[in-house]
C-alpha atoms as a PDB file:
ATOM      1  CA  UNK A   1     167.802  55.109 186.733  1.00  0.00           C
ATOM      2  CA  UNK A   2     170.798  53.466 185.024  1.00  0.00           C
ATOM      3  CA  UNK A   3     169.117  50.062 185.111  1.00  0.00           C
ATOM      4  CA  UNK A   4     165.938  51.565 183.612  1.00  0.00           C
ATOM      5  CA  UNK A   5     167.979  52.929 180.705  1.00  0.00           C
ATOM      6  CA  UNK A   6     169.784  49.622 180.157  1.00  0.00           C
ATOM      7  CA  UNK A   7     166.480  47.743 180.327  1.00  0.00           C
ATOM      8  CA  UNK A   8     165.062  50.126 177.713  1.00  0.00           C
ATOM      9  CA  UNK A   9     167.894  49.748 175.196  1.00  0.00           C
ATOM     10  CA  UNK A  10     168.947  46.126 175.773  1.00  0.00           C
ATOM     11  CA  UNK A  11     166.835  44.841 172.865  1.00  0.00           C
ATOM     12  CA  UNK A  12     168.761  47.164 170.549  1.00  0.00           C
ATOM     13  CA  UNK A  13     172.290  46.446 171.736  1.00  0.00           C
ATOM     14  CA  UNK A  14     174.388  44.805 169.011  1.00  0.00           C
ATOM     15  CA  UNK A  15     176.256  41.646 170.000  1.00  0.00           C
ATOM     16  CA  UNK A  16     179.603  43.399 169.734  1.00  0.00           C
ATOM     17  CA  UNK A  17     178.547  46.130 172.192  1.00  0.00           C
ATOM     18  CA  UNK A  18     178.787  45.595 175.926  1.00  0.00           C
ATOM     19  CA  UNK A  19     177.288  47.843 178.574  1.00  0.00           C
ATOM     20  CA  UNK A  20     178.873  48.661 181.914  1.00  0.00           C
ATOM     21  CA  UNK A  21     177.750  51.037 184.652  1.00  0.00           C
ATOM     22  CA  UNK A  22     180.578  53.300 185.842  1.00  0.00           C
ATOM     23  CA  UNK A  23     179.248  55.035 188.955  1.00  0.00           C
ATOM     24  CA  UNK A  24     181.135  58.195 189.948  1.00  0.00           C
ATOM     25  CA  UNK A  25     179.945  57.782 193.530  1.00  0.00           C
ATOM     26  CA  UNK A  26     181.985  54.578 193.717  1.00  0.00           C
ATOM     27  CA  UNK A  27     185.072  56.243 192.199  1.00  0.00           C
ATOM     28  CA  UNK A  28     185.362  58.994 194.800  1.00  0.00           C
ATOM     29  CA  UNK A  29     187.306  61.253 192.457  1.00  0.00           C
ATOM     30  CA  UNK A  30     188.410  64.423 194.234  1.00  0.00           C
ATOM     31  CA  UNK A  31     188.816  67.690 192.371  1.00  0.00           C
ATOM     32  CA  UNK A  32     191.760  67.253 190.025  1.00  0.00           C
ATOM     33  CA  UNK A  33     194.975  68.708 191.394  1.00  0.00           C
ATOM     34  CA  UNK A  34     197.299  67.520 188.646  1.00  0.00           C
ATOM     35  CA  UNK A  35     199.678  70.070 187.228  1.00  0.00           C
ATOM     36  CA  UNK A  36     199.492  68.673 183.689  1.00  0.00           C
ATOM     37  CA  UNK A  37     196.951  69.937 181.184  1.00  0.00           C
ATOM     38  CA  UNK A  38     194.896  66.855 180.204  1.00  0.00           C
ATOM     39  CA  UNK A  39     194.915  67.765 176.498  1.00  0.00           C
ATOM     40  CA  UNK A  40     198.708  67.290 176.474  1.00  0.00           C
ATOM     41  CA  UNK A  41     198.667  63.821 178.053  1.00  0.00           C
ATOM     42  CA  UNK A  42     198.693  61.061 175.440  1.00  0.00           C
ATOM     43  CA  UNK A  43     199.026  57.970 177.655  1.00  0.00           C
ATOM     44  CA  UNK A  44     197.660  56.881 181.058  1.00  0.00           C
ATOM     45  CA  UNK A  45     201.209  56.342 182.320  1.00  0.00           C
ATOM     46  CA  UNK A  46     201.986  60.042 181.881  1.00  0.00           C
ATOM     47  CA  UNK A  47     199.593  61.210 184.606  1.00  0.00           C
ATOM     48  CA  UNK A  48     201.270  62.344 187.817  1.00  0.00           C
ATOM     49  CA  UNK A  49     199.061  60.337 190.159  1.00  0.00           C
ATOM     50  CA  UNK A  50     197.738  56.801 190.280  1.00  0.00           C
ATOM     51  CA  UNK A  51     194.107  57.860 190.626  1.00  0.00           C
ATOM     52  CA  UNK A  52     194.228  59.758 187.327  1.00  0.00           C
ATOM     53  CA  UNK A  53     196.035  56.839 185.669  1.00  0.00           C
ATOM     54  CA  UNK A  54     193.330  54.371 186.783  1.00  0.00           C
ATOM     55  CA  UNK A  55     190.556  56.748 185.698  1.00  0.00           C
ATOM     56  CA  UNK A  56     192.239  57.203 182.314  1.00  0.00           C
ATOM     57  CA  UNK A  57     192.438  53.444 181.781  1.00  0.00           C
ATOM     58  CA  UNK A  58     188.781  52.989 182.722  1.00  0.00           C
ATOM     59  CA  UNK A  59     187.531  55.686 180.359  1.00  0.00           C
ATOM     60  CA  UNK A  60     189.911  54.640 177.559  1.00  0.00           C
ATOM     61  CA  UNK A  61     188.494  51.120 177.670  1.00  0.00           C
ATOM     62  CA  UNK A  62     185.095  52.285 176.338  1.00  0.00           C
ATOM     63  CA  UNK A  63     184.071  53.427 172.869  1.00  0.00           C
ATOM     64  CA  UNK A  64     180.923  55.280 173.892  1.00  0.00           C
ATOM     65  CA  UNK A  65     178.989  56.483 176.893  1.00  0.00           C
ATOM     66  CA  UNK A  66     175.498  57.057 178.232  1.00  0.00           C
ATOM     67  CA  UNK A  67     175.730  59.842 180.782  1.00  0.00           C
ATOM     68  CA  UNK A  68     173.114  59.945 183.511  1.00  0.00           C
ATOM     69  CA  UNK A  69     173.195  63.584 184.611  1.00  0.00           C
ATOM     70  CA  UNK A  70     171.443  64.667 187.821  1.00  0.00           C
ATOM     71  CA  UNK A  71     170.532  68.330 187.927  1.00  0.00           C
ATOM     72  CA  UNK A  72     171.226  70.491 190.949  1.00  0.00           C
ATOM     73  CA  UNK A  73     170.389  74.204 191.068  1.00  0.00           C
ATOM     74  CA  UNK A  74     169.895  74.450 187.324  1.00  0.00           C
ATOM     75  CA  UNK A  75     173.003  72.606 186.115  1.00  0.00           C
ATOM     76  CA  UNK A  76     174.882  69.305 186.301  1.00  0.00           C
ATOM     77  CA  UNK A  77     176.697  68.099 189.422  1.00  0.00           C
ATOM     78  CA  UNK A  78     180.193  69.340 190.204  1.00  0.00           C
ATOM     79  CA  UNK A  79     181.400  65.756 190.652  1.00  0.00           C
ATOM     80  CA  UNK A  80     180.698  65.135 186.964  1.00  0.00           C
ATOM     81  CA  UNK A  81     182.715  68.185 185.921  1.00  0.00           C
ATOM     82  CA  UNK A  82     185.573  67.083 188.182  1.00  0.00           C
ATOM     83  CA  UNK A  83     185.548  63.615 186.608  1.00  0.00           C
ATOM     84  CA  UNK A  84     185.830  65.214 183.171  1.00  0.00           C
ATOM     85  CA  UNK A  85     188.551  67.646 184.171  1.00  0.00           C
ATOM     86  CA  UNK A  86     190.967  64.781 184.866  1.00  0.00           C
ATOM     87  CA  UNK A  87     191.040  63.722 181.210  1.00  0.00           C
ATOM     88  CA  UNK A  88     190.727  64.966 177.640  1.00  0.00           C
ATOM     89  CA  UNK A  89     191.999  62.557 174.987  1.00  0.00           C
ATOM     90  CA  UNK A  90     190.226  59.611 176.616  1.00  0.00           C
ATOM     91  CA  UNK A  91     186.849  61.278 175.963  1.00  0.00           C
ATOM     92  CA  UNK A  92     187.610  63.037 172.697  1.00  0.00           C
ATOM     93  CA  UNK A  93     185.684  61.989 169.599  1.00  0.00           C
ATOM     94  CA  UNK A  94     183.688  59.200 171.233  1.00  0.00           C
ATOM     95  CA  UNK A  95     179.945  58.619 170.935  1.00  0.00           C
ATOM     96  CA  UNK A  96     177.775  59.683 173.857  1.00  0.00           C
ATOM     97  CA  UNK A  97     174.210  60.157 174.987  1.00  0.00           C
ATOM     98  CA  UNK A  98     172.932  62.354 177.820  1.00  0.00           C
ATOM     99  CA  UNK A  99     169.956  61.552 180.043  1.00  0.00           C
ATOM    100  CA  UNK A 100     169.422  64.361 182.525  1.00  0.00           C
ATOM    101  CA  UNK A 101     166.968  64.313 185.379  1.00  0.00           C
ATOM    102  CA  UNK A 102     165.801  66.612 188.119  1.00  0.00           C
ATOM    103  CA  UNK A 103     162.877  67.696 190.259  1.00  0.00           C
ATOM    104  CA  UNK A 104     161.693  70.507 187.993  1.00  0.00           C
ATOM    105  CA  UNK A 105     159.359  70.111 185.007  1.00  0.00           C
ATOM    106  CA  UNK A 106     161.293  68.894 181.945  1.00  0.00           C
ATOM    107  CA  UNK A 107     161.073  72.239 180.163  1.00  0.00           C
ATOM    108  CA  UNK A 108     163.021  73.777 183.067  1.00  0.00           C
ATOM    109  CA  UNK A 109     165.820  71.176 183.190  1.00  0.00           C
ATOM    110  CA  UNK A 110     169.070  72.654 181.854  1.00  0.00           C
ATOM    111  CA  UNK A 111     171.802  70.399 183.253  1.00  0.00           C
ATOM    112  CA  UNK A 112     171.938  68.174 180.173  1.00  0.00           C
ATOM    113  CA  UNK A 113     172.326  71.167 177.867  1.00  0.00           C
ATOM    114  CA  UNK A 114     175.123  72.605 179.999  1.00  0.00           C
ATOM    115  CA  UNK A 115     176.844  69.219 180.030  1.00  0.00           C
ATOM    116  CA  UNK A 116     176.444  68.818 176.261  1.00  0.00           C
ATOM    117  CA  UNK A 117     178.434  72.044 175.838  1.00  0.00           C
ATOM    118  CA  UNK A 118     181.359  70.342 177.628  1.00  0.00           C
ATOM    119  CA  UNK A 119     181.021  67.217 175.462  1.00  0.00           C
ATOM    120  CA  UNK A 120     180.983  69.378 172.337  1.00  0.00           C
ATOM    121  CA  UNK A 121     184.311  70.900 173.392  1.00  0.00           C
ATOM    122  CA  UNK A 122     185.653  67.342 173.419  1.00  0.00           C
ATOM    123  CA  UNK A 123     184.266  66.673 169.912  1.00  0.00           C
ATOM    124  CA  UNK A 124     182.102  63.860 171.279  1.00  0.00           C
ATOM    125  CA  UNK A 125     179.423  62.532 168.927  1.00  0.00           C
ATOM    126  CA  UNK A 126     176.009  63.284 170.427  1.00  0.00           C
ATOM    127  CA  UNK A 127     172.550  62.430 169.099  1.00  0.00           C
ATOM    128  CA  UNK A 128     170.438  65.488 168.344  1.00  0.00           C
ATOM    129  CA  UNK A 129     168.110  64.655 171.250  1.00  0.00           C
ATOM    130  CA  UNK A 130     168.912  65.653 174.826  1.00  0.00           C
ATOM    131  CA  UNK A 131     166.800  63.503 177.098  1.00  0.00           C
ATOM    132  CA  UNK A 132     165.220  65.030 180.185  1.00  0.00           C
ATOM    133  CA  UNK A 133     163.296  63.187 182.882  1.00  0.00           C
ATOM    134  CA  UNK A 134     161.416  64.985 185.625  1.00  0.00           C
ATOM    135  CA  UNK A 135     161.270  62.983 188.828  1.00  0.00           C
ATOM    136  CA  UNK A 136     157.947  64.731 189.503  1.00  0.00           C
ATOM    137  CA  UNK A 137     156.464  62.261 186.983  1.00  0.00           C
ATOM    138  CA  UNK A 138     157.557  59.297 189.132  1.00  0.00           C
ATOM    139  CA  UNK A 139     156.437  57.627 192.322  1.00  0.00           C
ATOM    140  CA  UNK A 140     159.500  58.586 194.345  1.00  0.00           C
ATOM    141  CA  UNK A 141     158.827  56.169 197.214  1.00  0.00           C
ATOM    142  CA  UNK A 142     158.673  53.144 194.916  1.00  0.00           C
ATOM    143  CA  UNK A 143     161.571  54.411 192.821  1.00  0.00           C
ATOM    144  CA  UNK A 144     163.702  55.004 195.946  1.00  0.00           C
ATOM    145  CA  UNK A 145     162.891  51.513 197.227  1.00  0.00           C
ATOM    146  CA  UNK A 146     164.642  49.992 194.228  1.00  0.00           C
ATOM    147  CA  UNK A 147     161.644  49.110 192.074  1.00  0.00           C
ATOM    148  CA  UNK A 148     163.390  50.699 189.082  1.00  0.00           C
ATOM    149  CA  UNK A 149     161.562  53.807 187.912  1.00  0.00           C
ATOM    150  CA  UNK A 150     157.851  53.820 188.607  1.00  0.00           C
ATOM    151  CA  UNK A 151     156.020  56.494 186.623  1.00  0.00           C
ATOM    152  CA  UNK A 152     152.599  57.775 187.648  1.00  0.00           C
ATOM    153  CA  UNK A 153     151.358  57.454 184.077  1.00  0.00           C
ATOM    154  CA  UNK A 154     152.094  54.629 181.633  1.00  0.00           C
ATOM    155  CA  UNK A 155     152.018  57.106 178.730  1.00  0.00           C
ATOM    156  CA  UNK A 156     154.867  59.100 180.311  1.00  0.00           C
ATOM    157  CA  UNK A 157     156.932  55.941 180.822  1.00  0.00           C
ATOM    158  CA  UNK A 158     156.287  54.865 177.224  1.00  0.00           C
ATOM    159  CA  UNK A 159     157.383  58.281 175.922  1.00  0.00           C
ATOM    160  CA  UNK A 160     160.555  58.257 178.055  1.00  0.00           C
ATOM    161  CA  UNK A 161     161.428  54.762 176.828  1.00  0.00           C
ATOM    162  CA  UNK A 162     160.805  55.816 173.219  1.00  0.00           C
ATOM    163  CA  UNK A 163     163.015  58.895 173.621  1.00  0.00           C
ATOM    164  CA  UNK A 164     165.800  56.800 175.188  1.00  0.00           C
ATOM    165  CA  UNK A 165     165.596  54.248 172.359  1.00  0.00           C
ATOM    166  CA  UNK A 166     165.762  56.967 169.702  1.00  0.00           C
ATOM    167  CA  UNK A 167     168.772  58.609 171.340  1.00  0.00           C
ATOM    168  CA  UNK A 168     170.466  55.197 171.648  1.00  0.00           C
ATOM    169  CA  UNK A 169     170.132  54.777 167.878  1.00  0.00           C
ATOM    170  CA  UNK A 170     172.087  58.032 167.574  1.00  0.00           C
ATOM    171  CA  UNK A 171     174.832  56.640 169.807  1.00  0.00           C
ATOM    172  CA  UNK A 172     175.088  53.521 167.647  1.00  0.00           C
ATOM    173  CA  UNK A 173     175.403  55.717 164.554  1.00  0.00           C
ATOM    174  CA  UNK A 174     178.132  57.698 166.326  1.00  0.00           C
ATOM    175  CA  UNK A 175     180.014  54.477 167.019  1.00  0.00           C
ATOM    176  CA  UNK A 176     179.806  53.510 163.347  1.00  0.00           C
ATOM    177  CA  UNK A 177     180.784  56.961 162.068  1.00  0.00           C
ATOM    178  CA  UNK A 178     183.913  57.014 164.194  1.00  0.00           C
ATOM    179  CA  UNK A 179     184.994  53.684 162.663  1.00  0.00           C
ATOM    180  CA  UNK A 180     185.455  52.362 166.155  1.00  0.00           C
ATOM    181  CA  UNK A 181     184.537  48.811 166.898  1.00  0.00           C
ATOM    182  CA  UNK A 182     181.618  49.121 169.311  1.00  0.00           C
ATOM    183  CA  UNK A 183     183.164  46.483 171.578  1.00  0.00           C
ATOM    184  CA  UNK A 184     182.318  48.449 174.679  1.00  0.00           C
ATOM    185  CA  UNK A 185     179.850  51.253 175.013  1.00  0.00           C
END
């Protein structure tokens, strides 16, 4: 799914913006057990454990984010919430876009909305569009085999790509509004 999104927006990525996939599954972040309140921590070196320090440095190195949000039981995954609970200032005020996906029809997907509430608490700059993709519109066997996303209908794929491109434009505007050099998004 991440590669599909990158493929969709790559024509509209300014030269001074780089894209990097940060996969939480590779990070293996446990539930945060730090005693500090993340809002009060102003530097990666002030975290009480090395894992939080490394995570802080990774997130601090980016100016914006595209969040790929799987939906489970009507909301976003707990691992995503745990990854956010480690930090505060590293996320705060940055541009972001949410692409949520799940097995239900798109009108029933709520994980992206729930997650956007968290991002709003962090004053992140979000486009007005929350993207939702129902995996029921895809050929799951081909998609699971690594053939990127294979939609049953070309019109659905075209609409998803259009929605992603429009939301990406909102992220680029968020990068400009924050007066941050979009060196890494």
